[in-house]
Amino acid sequence: MMKSIRIKISYSDLDSLRPHEESIEERIHYVIGSLSSTGILRKPLIADERTGVLIDGTHRYNALKRMGISTAPVIYVDYLSENEIRVARWIRIYIFKNIEQAMINKIADHFRSFSCEPLVKILRDSYLIELVGKQPANAYRAISHMEKDKNIISNLKTILFRTNISPRMLEKVCLVIIPPYLNKEDVIEAGLAGKPFPPKSTRHITVLKKIKLYTRIKHLLNRQ
């Protein structure tokens, strides 16, 4: 039998929330289109009650703000002490037009400059880099810088996010990066410091994501 979870649901000022990771621009546009089409916000945001750090719903958060909405329903939870909420990770898969060993060496050196130890493996026509080290947050800072490097993204077709690796993925020219696991303290620190991790850094596993409220966008706009 699942242990009960203490939560509080309320309408909150979006400016009081602190995202712990960045968003994907295309995803924000998609969410805006969906909200405009249906006129309904189905799922509330999830945040830490003590700090206001946003745990789930970063793209909805940014979409609502761009739509001129300043308040939205938020589920508040005692994030650090609530064992039901777990932090998992996303494996990042970069699909390139072409990829060379020289670029992999450059990326590996980049991670070392952030005190990460990259373990590089060759898989068919692809490469896998597993990041290890005593400071997981550094690995995500390094990933953020890498994903903004024009010399790298100019050759990049797309980035995929997966929970595991399948053999079919490795049939393409790609770089697979397996980042370390972040902990809840890392999440809170990133949000409070205003230094969010790159998009899709955390994958929070919680039953709270199943809660739906079906709030009308028109109602949210009228609350301004």
N, C-alpha and C. Protein backbone atom coordinates (compact mmCIF):
# COMPACT_ATOMS: atom_id res chain seq x y z
N MET A 1 0.84 -1.20 0.00
CA MET A 1 0.00 0.00 0.00
C MET A 1 0.88 1.25 0.00
N MET A 2 0.58 2.18 -0.90
CA MET A 2 1.43 3.37 -1.03
C MET A 2 1.24 4.33 0.14
N LYS A 3 2.32 4.85 0.62
CA LYS A 3 2.29 5.82 1.70
C LYS A 3 1.65 7.11 1.22
N SER A 4 0.88 7.77 2.08
CA SER A 4 0.21 9.02 1.71
C SER A 4 1.24 10.13 1.53
N ILE A 5 0.88 11.11 0.68
CA ILE A 5 1.76 12.23 0.39
C ILE A 5 1.06 13.51 0.80
N ARG A 6 1.75 14.35 1.57
CA ARG A 6 1.16 15.61 1.98
C ARG A 6 1.42 16.66 0.91
N ILE A 7 0.35 17.23 0.36
CA ILE A 7 0.50 18.24 -0.68
C ILE A 7 -0.42 19.43 -0.39
N LYS A 8 -0.15 20.52 -1.05
CA LYS A 8 -1.01 21.70 -1.02
C LYS A 8 -1.18 22.19 -2.45
N ILE A 9 -2.40 22.44 -2.86
CA ILE A 9 -2.66 22.93 -4.20
C ILE A 9 -3.23 24.34 -4.11
N SER A 10 -2.62 25.26 -4.82
CA SER A 10 -3.11 26.63 -4.78
C SER A 10 -2.74 27.35 -6.07
N TYR A 11 -3.44 28.47 -6.35
CA TYR A 11 -3.06 29.33 -7.46
C TYR A 11 -1.89 30.18 -6.99
N SER A 12 -0.82 30.18 -7.77
CA SER A 12 0.39 30.90 -7.35
C SER A 12 0.91 31.81 -8.45
N ASP A 13 1.59 32.85 -8.03
CA ASP A 13 2.25 33.78 -8.95
C ASP A 13 3.41 33.04 -9.61
N LEU A 14 3.42 32.99 -10.93
CA LEU A 14 4.48 32.27 -11.63
C LEU A 14 5.86 32.87 -11.36
N ASP A 15 5.92 34.16 -11.09
CA ASP A 15 7.20 34.80 -10.81
C ASP A 15 7.80 34.35 -9.48
N SER A 16 6.99 33.69 -8.65
CA SER A 16 7.49 33.20 -7.37
C SER A 16 8.16 31.83 -7.50
N LEU A 17 8.03 31.23 -8.68
CA LEU A 17 8.61 29.91 -8.91
C LEU A 17 10.01 30.04 -9.51
N ARG A 18 10.85 29.05 -9.23
CA ARG A 18 12.25 29.08 -9.69
C ARG A 18 12.57 27.80 -10.46
N PRO A 19 12.60 27.85 -11.78
CA PRO A 19 12.93 26.66 -12.57
C PRO A 19 14.34 26.17 -12.27
N HIS A 20 14.51 24.85 -12.25
CA HIS A 20 15.85 24.30 -12.00
C HIS A 20 16.52 23.85 -13.28
N GLU A 21 15.78 23.89 -14.41
CA GLU A 21 16.39 23.56 -15.69
C GLU A 21 15.80 24.44 -16.79
N GLU A 22 16.53 24.57 -17.88
CA GLU A 22 16.10 25.37 -19.00
C GLU A 22 15.06 24.62 -19.83
N SER A 23 14.51 25.31 -20.85
CA SER A 23 13.49 24.71 -21.69
C SER A 23 13.99 24.56 -23.12
N ILE A 24 13.29 23.72 -23.87
CA ILE A 24 13.55 23.57 -25.30
C ILE A 24 12.56 24.48 -26.02
N GLU A 25 13.09 25.39 -26.83
CA GLU A 25 12.25 26.41 -27.46
C GLU A 25 11.11 25.81 -28.29
N GLU A 26 11.41 24.78 -29.05
CA GLU A 26 10.37 24.16 -29.88
C GLU A 26 9.26 23.57 -29.02
N ARG A 27 9.64 23.05 -27.87
CA ARG A 27 8.64 22.45 -26.98
C ARG A 27 7.73 23.53 -26.38
N ILE A 28 8.29 24.69 -26.08
CA ILE A 28 7.47 25.79 -25.56
C ILE A 28 6.42 26.18 -26.59
N HIS A 29 6.82 26.31 -27.85
CA HIS A 29 5.88 26.67 -28.91
C HIS A 29 4.79 25.61 -29.06
N TYR A 30 5.19 24.34 -28.92
CA TYR A 30 4.21 23.25 -29.02
C TYR A 30 3.18 23.35 -27.89
N VAL A 31 3.64 23.61 -26.67
CA VAL A 31 2.73 23.71 -25.53
C VAL A 31 1.80 24.91 -25.69
N ILE A 32 2.33 26.03 -26.16
CA ILE A 32 1.49 27.20 -26.39
C ILE A 32 0.38 26.87 -27.40
N GLY A 33 0.75 26.17 -28.46
CA GLY A 33 -0.24 25.77 -29.46
C GLY A 33 -1.30 24.86 -28.88
N SER A 34 -0.87 23.92 -28.05
CA SER A 34 -1.81 22.98 -27.44
C SER A 34 -2.76 23.69 -26.48
N LEU A 35 -2.22 24.59 -25.65
CA LEU A 35 -3.05 25.32 -24.70
C LEU A 35 -4.04 26.24 -25.41
N SER A 36 -3.58 26.86 -26.49
CA SER A 36 -4.45 27.76 -27.25
C SER A 36 -5.56 26.99 -27.96
N SER A 37 -5.21 25.80 -28.45
CA SER A 37 -6.18 24.99 -29.19
C SER A 37 -7.26 24.39 -28.28
N THR A 38 -6.83 23.84 -27.16
CA THR A 38 -7.78 23.17 -26.27
C THR A 38 -8.43 24.14 -25.28
N GLY A 39 -7.72 25.24 -24.96
CA GLY A 39 -8.22 26.17 -23.97
C GLY A 39 -8.18 25.63 -22.56
N ILE A 40 -7.40 24.55 -22.37
CA ILE A 40 -7.37 23.88 -21.06
C ILE A 40 -5.92 23.61 -20.64
N LEU A 41 -5.62 23.91 -19.38
CA LEU A 41 -4.37 23.47 -18.75
C LEU A 41 -4.74 22.23 -17.94
N ARG A 42 -4.34 21.08 -18.43
CA ARG A 42 -4.77 19.82 -17.79
C ARG A 42 -4.04 19.52 -16.49
N LYS A 43 -2.74 19.78 -16.47
CA LYS A 43 -1.94 19.38 -15.31
C LYS A 43 -1.36 20.58 -14.60
N PRO A 44 -1.43 20.61 -13.29
CA PRO A 44 -0.80 21.70 -12.53
C PRO A 44 0.71 21.56 -12.53
N LEU A 45 1.40 22.62 -12.18
CA LEU A 45 2.84 22.58 -11.99
C LEU A 45 3.12 21.93 -10.64
N ILE A 46 4.34 21.47 -10.43
CA ILE A 46 4.74 20.89 -9.15
C ILE A 46 5.97 21.64 -8.65
N ALA A 47 5.94 22.09 -7.39
CA ALA A 47 7.06 22.88 -6.85
C ALA A 47 7.33 22.52 -5.40
N ASP A 48 8.53 22.84 -4.97
CA ASP A 48 8.91 22.65 -3.57
C ASP A 48 8.26 23.74 -2.73
N GLU A 49 7.58 23.34 -1.66
CA GLU A 49 6.84 24.30 -0.84
C GLU A 49 7.76 25.29 -0.14
N ARG A 50 8.92 24.87 0.27
CA ARG A 50 9.81 25.72 1.07
C ARG A 50 10.55 26.76 0.22
N THR A 51 10.92 26.39 -0.99
CA THR A 51 11.78 27.26 -1.79
C THR A 51 11.11 27.80 -3.05
N GLY A 52 10.03 27.18 -3.50
CA GLY A 52 9.40 27.58 -4.75
C GLY A 52 10.12 27.06 -5.98
N VAL A 53 11.11 26.18 -5.79
CA VAL A 53 11.82 25.61 -6.94
C VAL A 53 10.87 24.70 -7.71
N LEU A 54 10.79 24.91 -9.00
CA LEU A 54 9.88 24.17 -9.86
C LEU A 54 10.44 22.77 -10.11
N ILE A 55 9.65 21.76 -9.78
CA ILE A 55 10.08 20.37 -9.91
C ILE A 55 9.63 19.75 -11.23
N ASP A 56 8.41 20.08 -11.63
CA ASP A 56 7.86 19.52 -12.87
C ASP A 56 6.98 20.57 -13.55
N GLY A 57 7.11 20.67 -14.89
CA GLY A 57 6.26 21.59 -15.64
C GLY A 57 6.99 22.80 -16.18
N THR A 58 8.28 22.69 -16.42
CA THR A 58 9.05 23.85 -16.88
C THR A 58 8.53 24.41 -18.20
N HIS A 59 8.19 23.54 -19.14
CA HIS A 59 7.70 24.02 -20.43
C HIS A 59 6.31 24.64 -20.30
N ARG A 60 5.45 24.08 -19.47
CA ARG A 60 4.14 24.69 -19.22
C ARG A 60 4.32 26.05 -18.55
N TYR A 61 5.23 26.13 -17.63
CA TYR A 61 5.53 27.38 -16.92
C TYR A 61 5.92 28.47 -17.91
N ASN A 62 6.85 28.18 -18.81
CA ASN A 62 7.30 29.18 -19.77
C ASN A 62 6.23 29.48 -20.81
N ALA A 63 5.46 28.48 -21.21
CA ALA A 63 4.38 28.71 -22.17
C ALA A 63 3.32 29.63 -21.58
N LEU A 64 2.94 29.40 -20.33
CA LEU A 64 1.93 30.24 -19.68
C LEU A 64 2.41 31.68 -19.56
N LYS A 65 3.66 31.87 -19.21
CA LYS A 65 4.19 33.23 -19.07
C LYS A 65 4.18 33.96 -20.40
N ARG A 66 4.52 33.27 -21.47
CA ARG A 66 4.53 33.91 -22.79
C ARG A 66 3.11 34.23 -23.27
N MET A 67 2.13 33.50 -22.74
CA MET A 67 0.74 33.76 -23.10
C MET A 67 0.15 34.90 -22.27
N GLY A 68 0.98 35.49 -21.41
CA GLY A 68 0.51 36.60 -20.59
C GLY A 68 -0.21 36.18 -19.33
N ILE A 69 -0.03 34.93 -18.93
CA ILE A 69 -0.68 34.41 -17.72
C ILE A 69 0.30 34.53 -16.56
N SER A 70 -0.14 35.07 -15.45
CA SER A 70 0.76 35.31 -14.33
C SER A 70 0.52 34.38 -13.14
N THR A 71 -0.64 33.72 -13.10
CA THR A 71 -0.92 32.78 -12.00
C THR A 71 -1.41 31.46 -12.58
N ALA A 72 -1.09 30.38 -11.90
CA ALA A 72 -1.49 29.05 -12.36
C ALA A 72 -1.57 28.11 -11.16
N PRO A 73 -2.31 27.00 -11.29
CA PRO A 73 -2.39 26.03 -10.20
C PRO A 73 -1.07 25.30 -10.00
N VAL A 74 -0.66 25.20 -8.75
CA VAL A 74 0.62 24.57 -8.41
C VAL A 74 0.41 23.56 -7.28
N ILE A 75 0.97 22.38 -7.44
CA ILE A 75 1.02 21.41 -6.35
C ILE A 75 2.31 21.65 -5.57
N TYR A 76 2.18 21.95 -4.30
CA TYR A 76 3.35 22.15 -3.45
C TYR A 76 3.59 20.91 -2.59
N VAL A 77 4.87 20.55 -2.48
CA VAL A 77 5.24 19.35 -1.74
C VAL A 77 6.55 19.61 -1.00
N ASP A 78 6.75 18.90 0.09
CA ASP A 78 8.03 18.98 0.81
C ASP A 78 9.02 18.08 0.06
N TYR A 79 9.64 18.66 -0.93
CA TYR A 79 10.43 17.92 -1.90
C TYR A 79 11.57 17.11 -1.28
N LEU A 80 12.36 17.73 -0.42
CA LEU A 80 13.54 17.06 0.12
C LEU A 80 13.21 15.88 1.02
N SER A 81 12.10 15.96 1.72
CA SER A 81 11.76 14.89 2.67
C SER A 81 10.76 13.89 2.11
N GLU A 82 10.21 14.17 0.94
CA GLU A 82 9.20 13.27 0.38
C GLU A 82 9.87 12.15 -0.43
N ASN A 83 9.90 10.95 0.14
CA ASN A 83 10.58 9.83 -0.50
C ASN A 83 9.85 9.31 -1.73
N GLU A 84 8.57 9.64 -1.85
CA GLU A 84 7.82 9.15 -3.01
C GLU A 84 8.31 9.78 -4.31
N ILE A 85 8.87 10.98 -4.21
CA ILE A 85 9.40 11.66 -5.39
C ILE A 85 10.87 11.27 -5.57
N ARG A 86 11.17 10.70 -6.73
CA ARG A 86 12.54 10.26 -7.01
C ARG A 86 13.09 11.01 -8.22
N VAL A 87 14.41 11.19 -8.23
CA VAL A 87 15.08 11.89 -9.33
C VAL A 87 15.82 10.87 -10.18
N ALA A 88 15.41 10.76 -11.45
CA ALA A 88 16.11 9.91 -12.41
C ALA A 88 16.80 10.81 -13.43
N ARG A 89 17.29 10.23 -14.49
CA ARG A 89 18.04 11.01 -15.48
C ARG A 89 17.57 10.65 -16.89
N TRP A 90 17.94 11.51 -17.84
CA TRP A 90 17.74 11.25 -19.25
C TRP A 90 19.08 11.00 -19.90
N ILE A 91 19.15 10.00 -20.76
CA ILE A 91 20.33 9.79 -21.60
C ILE A 91 20.17 10.69 -22.83
N ARG A 92 21.22 11.40 -23.17
CA ARG A 92 21.17 12.37 -24.27
C ARG A 92 21.81 11.77 -25.51
N ILE A 93 21.08 11.79 -26.62
CA ILE A 93 21.56 11.20 -27.87
C ILE A 93 21.62 12.30 -28.93
N TYR A 94 22.81 12.60 -29.41
CA TYR A 94 23.02 13.66 -30.39
C TYR A 94 23.19 13.02 -31.76
N ILE A 95 22.26 13.31 -32.67
CA ILE A 95 22.33 12.78 -34.02
C ILE A 95 23.04 13.80 -34.90
N PHE A 96 24.19 13.42 -35.47
CA PHE A 96 25.00 14.32 -36.28
C PHE A 96 24.89 14.00 -37.76
N LYS A 97 25.20 14.98 -38.59
CA LYS A 97 25.33 14.74 -40.03
C LYS A 97 26.54 13.84 -40.26
N ASN A 98 27.61 14.12 -39.57
CA ASN A 98 28.79 13.27 -39.58
C ASN A 98 29.55 13.52 -38.29
N ILE A 99 30.38 12.60 -37.92
CA ILE A 99 31.09 12.72 -36.65
C ILE A 99 32.49 12.14 -36.82
N GLU A 100 33.48 12.82 -36.26
CA GLU A 100 34.86 12.39 -36.38
C GLU A 100 35.51 12.26 -35.01
N GLN A 101 36.56 11.48 -34.96
CA GLN A 101 37.27 11.26 -33.70
C GLN A 101 37.80 12.56 -33.13
N ALA A 102 38.21 13.49 -33.99
CA ALA A 102 38.75 14.76 -33.52
C ALA A 102 37.71 15.53 -32.72
N MET A 103 36.45 15.49 -33.16
CA MET A 103 35.41 16.19 -32.43
C MET A 103 35.13 15.51 -31.08
N ILE A 104 35.18 14.19 -31.06
CA ILE A 104 34.99 13.46 -29.81
C ILE A 104 36.09 13.80 -28.83
N ASN A 105 37.32 13.88 -29.32
CA ASN A 105 38.45 14.24 -28.45
C ASN A 105 38.26 15.64 -27.87
N LYS A 106 37.77 16.56 -28.70
CA LYS A 106 37.52 17.93 -28.24
C LYS A 106 36.44 17.95 -27.17
N ILE A 107 35.38 17.18 -27.37
CA ILE A 107 34.29 17.13 -26.39
C ILE A 107 34.78 16.51 -25.09
N ALA A 108 35.58 15.46 -25.19
CA ALA A 108 36.12 14.81 -23.98
C ALA A 108 36.99 15.79 -23.20
N ASP A 109 37.83 16.55 -23.91
CA ASP A 109 38.67 17.55 -23.23
C ASP A 109 37.81 18.63 -22.58
N HIS A 110 36.72 18.98 -23.24
CA HIS A 110 35.79 19.97 -22.69
C HIS A 110 35.25 19.50 -21.34
N PHE A 111 34.85 18.24 -21.26
CA PHE A 111 34.31 17.72 -20.00
C PHE A 111 35.39 17.67 -18.92
N ARG A 112 36.61 17.36 -19.30
CA ARG A 112 37.70 17.33 -18.31
C ARG A 112 37.94 18.72 -17.72
N SER A 113 37.71 19.76 -18.52
CA SER A 113 37.90 21.12 -18.02
C SER A 113 36.88 21.48 -16.95
N PHE A 114 35.78 20.69 -16.87
CA PHE A 114 34.77 20.89 -15.84
C PHE A 114 34.92 19.86 -14.71
N SER A 115 36.10 19.28 -14.61
CA SER A 115 36.41 18.28 -13.58
C SER A 115 35.55 17.03 -13.69
N CYS A 116 35.17 16.69 -14.93
CA CYS A 116 34.45 15.44 -15.19
C CYS A 116 35.41 14.45 -15.84
N GLU A 117 35.22 13.19 -15.56
CA GLU A 117 36.03 12.17 -16.19
C GLU A 117 35.20 11.44 -17.24
N PRO A 118 35.41 11.74 -18.53
CA PRO A 118 34.61 11.10 -19.58
C PRO A 118 35.15 9.72 -19.95
N LEU A 119 34.31 8.71 -19.88
CA LEU A 119 34.68 7.37 -20.30
C LEU A 119 34.14 7.17 -21.72
N VAL A 120 35.04 7.11 -22.70
CA VAL A 120 34.65 7.10 -24.11
C VAL A 120 34.69 5.67 -24.65
N LYS A 121 33.60 5.28 -25.34
CA LYS A 121 33.53 3.98 -26.00
C LYS A 121 33.06 4.18 -27.45
N ILE A 122 33.54 3.32 -28.34
CA ILE A 122 33.11 3.35 -29.74
C ILE A 122 32.08 2.24 -29.95
N LEU A 123 30.91 2.61 -30.46
CA LEU A 123 29.82 1.65 -30.70
C LEU A 123 29.40 1.76 -32.17
N ARG A 124 29.84 0.81 -32.99
CA ARG A 124 29.56 0.85 -34.43
C ARG A 124 30.08 2.17 -35.01
N ASP A 125 29.17 2.96 -35.61
CA ASP A 125 29.58 4.26 -36.17
C ASP A 125 29.33 5.39 -35.19
N SER A 126 29.08 5.04 -33.94
CA SER A 126 28.74 6.04 -32.94
C SER A 126 29.71 5.99 -31.77
N TYR A 127 29.55 6.99 -30.90
CA TYR A 127 30.40 7.09 -29.71
C TYR A 127 29.52 7.22 -28.48
N LEU A 128 30.01 6.69 -27.39
CA LEU A 128 29.31 6.80 -26.10
C LEU A 128 30.27 7.41 -25.09
N ILE A 129 29.79 8.44 -24.41
CA ILE A 129 30.59 9.06 -23.35
C ILE A 129 29.78 8.98 -22.05
N GLU A 130 30.34 8.30 -21.08
CA GLU A 130 29.73 8.26 -19.75
C GLU A 130 30.51 9.21 -18.84
N LEU A 131 29.78 10.10 -18.18
CA LEU A 131 30.41 11.10 -17.33
C LEU A 131 30.39 10.66 -15.88
N VAL A 132 31.56 10.65 -15.28
CA VAL A 132 31.68 10.27 -13.87
C VAL A 132 32.44 11.38 -13.15
N GLY A 133 32.32 11.39 -11.85
CA GLY A 133 33.00 12.41 -11.05
C GLY A 133 32.27 12.63 -9.75
N LYS A 134 32.89 13.37 -8.86
CA LYS A 134 32.32 13.58 -7.53
C LYS A 134 31.31 14.72 -7.48
N GLN A 135 31.24 15.54 -8.53
CA GLN A 135 30.32 16.67 -8.56
C GLN A 135 29.43 16.57 -9.80
N PRO A 136 28.30 15.87 -9.67
CA PRO A 136 27.41 15.66 -10.83
C PRO A 136 26.95 16.96 -11.47
N ALA A 137 26.75 18.01 -10.67
CA ALA A 137 26.27 19.28 -11.23
C ALA A 137 27.24 19.82 -12.27
N ASN A 138 28.55 19.58 -12.08
CA ASN A 138 29.54 20.06 -13.04
C ASN A 138 29.33 19.44 -14.41
N ALA A 139 28.92 18.17 -14.43
CA ALA A 139 28.70 17.48 -15.69
C ALA A 139 27.60 18.17 -16.50
N TYR A 140 26.55 18.59 -15.81
CA TYR A 140 25.43 19.24 -16.50
C TYR A 140 25.79 20.66 -16.93
N ARG A 141 26.64 21.33 -16.17
CA ARG A 141 27.13 22.63 -16.61
C ARG A 141 27.95 22.45 -17.89
N ALA A 142 28.76 21.40 -17.92
CA ALA A 142 29.57 21.12 -19.10
C ALA A 142 28.69 20.79 -20.31
N ILE A 143 27.63 20.03 -20.08
CA ILE A 143 26.69 19.69 -21.15
C ILE A 143 26.04 20.96 -21.70
N SER A 144 25.65 21.85 -20.80
CA SER A 144 25.01 23.09 -21.21
C SER A 144 25.93 23.91 -22.12
N HIS A 145 27.21 24.01 -21.76
CA HIS A 145 28.16 24.75 -22.58
C HIS A 145 28.38 24.05 -23.92
N MET A 146 28.44 22.73 -23.89
CA MET A 146 28.66 21.99 -25.12
C MET A 146 27.51 22.19 -26.10
N GLU A 147 26.27 22.18 -25.59
CA GLU A 147 25.10 22.30 -26.45
C GLU A 147 24.93 23.72 -27.01
N LYS A 148 25.73 24.65 -26.53
CA LYS A 148 25.69 26.02 -27.05
C LYS A 148 26.92 26.36 -27.89
N ASP A 149 27.78 25.36 -28.07
CA ASP A 149 29.00 25.55 -28.87
C ASP A 149 28.62 25.52 -30.36
N LYS A 150 28.82 26.61 -31.06
CA LYS A 150 28.40 26.72 -32.46
C LYS A 150 29.12 25.72 -33.35
N ASN A 151 30.37 25.40 -33.02
CA ASN A 151 31.11 24.44 -33.83
C ASN A 151 30.53 23.04 -33.75
N ILE A 152 29.82 22.76 -32.66
CA ILE A 152 29.21 21.44 -32.48
C ILE A 152 27.80 21.42 -33.02
N ILE A 153 26.99 22.42 -32.66
CA ILE A 153 25.59 22.41 -33.07
C ILE A 153 25.42 22.65 -34.57
N SER A 154 26.44 23.21 -35.23
CA SER A 154 26.33 23.42 -36.67
C SER A 154 26.28 22.09 -37.43
N ASN A 155 26.79 21.04 -36.83
CA ASN A 155 26.81 19.71 -37.44
C ASN A 155 25.73 18.80 -36.83
N LEU A 156 24.90 19.37 -35.96
CA LEU A 156 23.92 18.58 -35.21
C LEU A 156 22.55 18.60 -35.90
N LYS A 157 21.95 17.42 -36.05
CA LYS A 157 20.62 17.32 -36.65
C LYS A 157 19.53 17.40 -35.59
N THR A 158 19.70 16.68 -34.50
CA THR A 158 18.69 16.71 -33.43
C THR A 158 19.26 16.09 -32.16
N ILE A 159 18.58 16.34 -31.04
CA ILE A 159 18.93 15.72 -29.77
C ILE A 159 17.73 14.91 -29.30
N LEU A 160 17.97 13.67 -28.94
CA LEU A 160 16.93 12.80 -28.41
C LEU A 160 17.20 12.55 -26.93
N PHE A 161 16.13 12.34 -26.19
CA PHE A 161 16.25 12.06 -24.75
C PHE A 161 15.56 10.73 -24.47
N ARG A 162 16.31 9.79 -23.92
CA ARG A 162 15.77 8.45 -23.69
C ARG A 162 16.14 7.96 -22.29
N THR A 163 15.37 7.00 -21.82
CA THR A 163 15.66 6.42 -20.50
C THR A 163 16.68 5.29 -20.62
N ASN A 164 16.82 4.73 -21.81
CA ASN A 164 17.82 3.69 -22.03
C ASN A 164 18.27 3.71 -23.48
N ILE A 165 19.23 2.90 -23.82
CA ILE A 165 19.79 2.86 -25.17
C ILE A 165 19.35 1.58 -25.86
N SER A 166 18.89 1.69 -27.10
CA SER A 166 18.53 0.51 -27.90
C SER A 166 19.51 0.38 -29.05
N PRO A 167 19.71 -0.84 -29.56
CA PRO A 167 20.65 -1.04 -30.69
C PRO A 167 20.27 -0.23 -31.92
N ARG A 168 18.98 0.04 -32.14
CA ARG A 168 18.56 0.79 -33.32
C ARG A 168 19.09 2.22 -33.30
N MET A 169 19.22 2.78 -32.10
CA MET A 169 19.75 4.14 -31.99
C MET A 169 21.18 4.22 -32.49
N LEU A 170 21.93 3.15 -32.28
CA LEU A 170 23.35 3.16 -32.62
C LEU A 170 23.60 2.91 -34.09
N GLU A 171 22.53 2.68 -34.87
CA GLU A 171 22.68 2.53 -36.30
C GLU A 171 22.88 3.88 -36.98
N LYS A 172 22.59 4.96 -36.26
CA LYS A 172 22.76 6.30 -36.80
C LYS A 172 24.11 6.86 -36.35
N VAL A 173 24.53 7.93 -37.01
CA VAL A 173 25.76 8.62 -36.61
C VAL A 173 25.42 9.47 -35.40
N CYS A 174 25.83 9.04 -34.25
CA CYS A 174 25.41 9.76 -33.05
C CYS A 174 26.47 9.72 -31.95
N LEU A 175 26.25 10.59 -31.00
CA LEU A 175 27.03 10.62 -29.77
C LEU A 175 26.05 10.42 -28.62
N VAL A 176 26.27 9.41 -27.83
CA VAL A 176 25.43 9.14 -26.68
C VAL A 176 26.16 9.61 -25.43
N ILE A 177 25.51 10.47 -24.66
CA ILE A 177 26.11 10.93 -23.40
C ILE A 177 25.25 10.43 -22.25
N ILE A 178 25.88 9.68 -21.36
CA ILE A 178 25.21 9.19 -20.16
C ILE A 178 25.69 10.05 -18.99
N PRO A 179 24.86 10.99 -18.54
CA PRO A 179 25.28 11.87 -17.45
C PRO A 179 25.10 11.19 -16.09
N PRO A 180 25.69 11.73 -15.05
CA PRO A 180 25.50 11.17 -13.71
C PRO A 180 24.11 11.53 -13.19
N TYR A 181 23.73 10.89 -12.10
CA TYR A 181 22.46 11.21 -11.45
C TYR A 181 22.63 12.45 -10.58
N LEU A 182 21.70 13.38 -10.69
CA LEU A 182 21.63 14.51 -9.77
C LEU A 182 20.84 14.09 -8.54
N ASN A 183 21.04 14.79 -7.43
CA ASN A 183 20.20 14.54 -6.26
C ASN A 183 19.29 15.74 -6.02
N LYS A 184 18.41 15.63 -5.06
CA LYS A 184 17.44 16.69 -4.81
C LYS A 184 18.10 17.99 -4.37
N GLU A 185 19.17 17.87 -3.63
CA GLU A 185 19.89 19.08 -3.20
C GLU A 185 20.46 19.84 -4.41
N ASP A 186 20.93 19.10 -5.41
CA ASP A 186 21.42 19.73 -6.64
C ASP A 186 20.30 20.52 -7.32
N VAL A 187 19.11 19.93 -7.35
CA VAL A 187 17.95 20.55 -7.99
C VAL A 187 17.59 21.86 -7.29
N ILE A 188 17.51 21.81 -5.97
CA ILE A 188 17.16 23.00 -5.18
C ILE A 188 18.21 24.09 -5.35
N GLU A 189 19.48 23.70 -5.30
CA GLU A 189 20.57 24.68 -5.41
C GLU A 189 20.54 25.38 -6.77
N ALA A 190 20.29 24.63 -7.85
CA ALA A 190 20.24 25.22 -9.19
C ALA A 190 19.10 26.22 -9.31
N GLY A 191 17.94 25.87 -8.74
CA GLY A 191 16.80 26.77 -8.79
C GLY A 191 17.02 28.04 -7.99
N LEU A 192 17.52 27.90 -6.78
CA LEU A 192 17.73 29.06 -5.91
C LEU A 192 18.83 29.97 -6.43
N ALA A 193 19.85 29.39 -7.05
CA ALA A 193 20.97 30.18 -7.55
C ALA A 193 20.64 30.87 -8.87
N GLY A 194 19.51 30.51 -9.48
CA GLY A 194 19.18 31.08 -10.78
C GLY A 194 20.12 30.61 -11.87
N LYS A 195 20.69 29.43 -11.69
CA LYS A 195 21.60 28.84 -12.67
C LYS A 195 21.06 27.47 -13.08
N PRO A 196 19.99 27.48 -13.88
CA PRO A 196 19.33 26.21 -14.22
C PRO A 196 20.21 25.29 -15.06
N PHE A 197 19.97 24.01 -14.92
CA PHE A 197 20.66 23.01 -15.72
C PHE A 197 20.10 23.04 -17.15
N PRO A 198 20.76 22.35 -18.09
CA PRO A 198 20.22 22.31 -19.46
C PRO A 198 18.87 21.59 -19.49
N PRO A 199 18.10 21.75 -20.57
CA PRO A 199 16.80 21.08 -20.65
C PRO A 199 16.91 19.57 -20.47
N LYS A 200 15.90 18.99 -19.87
CA LYS A 200 15.82 17.54 -19.68
C LYS A 200 17.02 17.00 -18.90
N SER A 201 17.39 17.68 -17.84
CA SER A 201 18.47 17.19 -16.98
C SER A 201 17.94 16.18 -15.96
N THR A 202 16.72 16.41 -15.48
CA THR A 202 16.14 15.51 -14.49
C THR A 202 14.87 14.88 -15.03
N ARG A 203 14.58 13.71 -14.51
CA ARG A 203 13.32 13.02 -14.81
C ARG A 203 12.71 12.62 -13.47
N HIS A 204 11.77 13.44 -13.00
CA HIS A 204 11.19 13.18 -11.70
C HIS A 204 10.09 12.11 -11.80
N ILE A 205 10.20 11.13 -10.95
CA ILE A 205 9.24 10.03 -10.93
C ILE A 205 8.36 10.19 -9.70
N THR A 206 7.08 10.45 -9.92
CA THR A 206 6.14 10.67 -8.81
C THR A 206 4.71 10.47 -9.29
N VAL A 207 3.88 9.98 -8.41
CA VAL A 207 2.46 9.80 -8.71
C VAL A 207 1.76 11.14 -8.89
N LEU A 208 2.36 12.21 -8.39
CA LEU A 208 1.75 13.54 -8.48
C LEU A 208 1.56 13.98 -9.93
N LYS A 209 2.35 13.44 -10.84
CA LYS A 209 2.22 13.80 -12.25
C LYS A 209 0.90 13.33 -12.84
N LYS A 210 0.23 12.41 -12.17
CA LYS A 210 -1.04 11.89 -12.68
C LYS A 210 -2.23 12.79 -12.32
N ILE A 211 -1.99 13.75 -11.44
CA ILE A 211 -3.08 14.64 -11.03
C ILE A 211 -3.45 15.59 -12.16
N LYS A 212 -4.74 15.68 -12.47
CA LYS A 212 -5.24 16.58 -13.51
C LYS A 212 -6.34 17.46 -12.93
N LEU A 213 -6.29 18.75 -13.28
CA LEU A 213 -7.28 19.70 -12.75
C LEU A 213 -8.14 20.33 -13.85
N TYR A 214 -7.70 20.31 -15.09
CA TYR A 214 -8.46 20.85 -16.23
C TYR A 214 -8.89 22.30 -15.96
N THR A 215 -7.88 23.16 -15.84
CA THR A 215 -8.13 24.58 -15.60
C THR A 215 -8.28 25.30 -16.94
N ARG A 216 -9.31 26.12 -17.08
CA ARG A 216 -9.54 26.86 -18.32
C ARG A 216 -8.54 28.01 -18.45
N ILE A 217 -7.95 28.13 -19.62
CA ILE A 217 -7.01 29.22 -19.90
C ILE A 217 -7.72 30.56 -19.76
N LYS A 218 -8.95 30.62 -20.19
CA LYS A 218 -9.74 31.86 -20.06
C LYS A 218 -9.85 32.28 -18.59
N HIS A 219 -10.01 31.27 -17.73
CA HIS A 219 -10.11 31.56 -16.29
C HIS A 219 -8.80 32.12 -15.76
N LEU A 220 -7.68 31.57 -16.23
CA LEU A 220 -6.37 32.05 -15.79
C LEU A 220 -6.11 33.46 -16.27
N LEU A 221 -6.53 33.76 -17.50
CA LEU A 221 -6.35 35.12 -18.03
C LEU A 221 -7.21 36.12 -17.26
N ASN A 222 -8.37 35.69 -16.81
CA ASN A 222 -9.26 36.59 -16.06
C ASN A 222 -8.76 36.88 -14.64
N ARG A 223 -7.77 36.08 -14.21
CA ARG A 223 -7.22 36.28 -12.86
C ARG A 223 -6.15 37.35 -12.83
N GLN A 224 -5.80 37.90 -14.00
CA GLN A 224 -4.71 38.88 -14.07
C GLN A 224 -5.06 40.13 -13.24
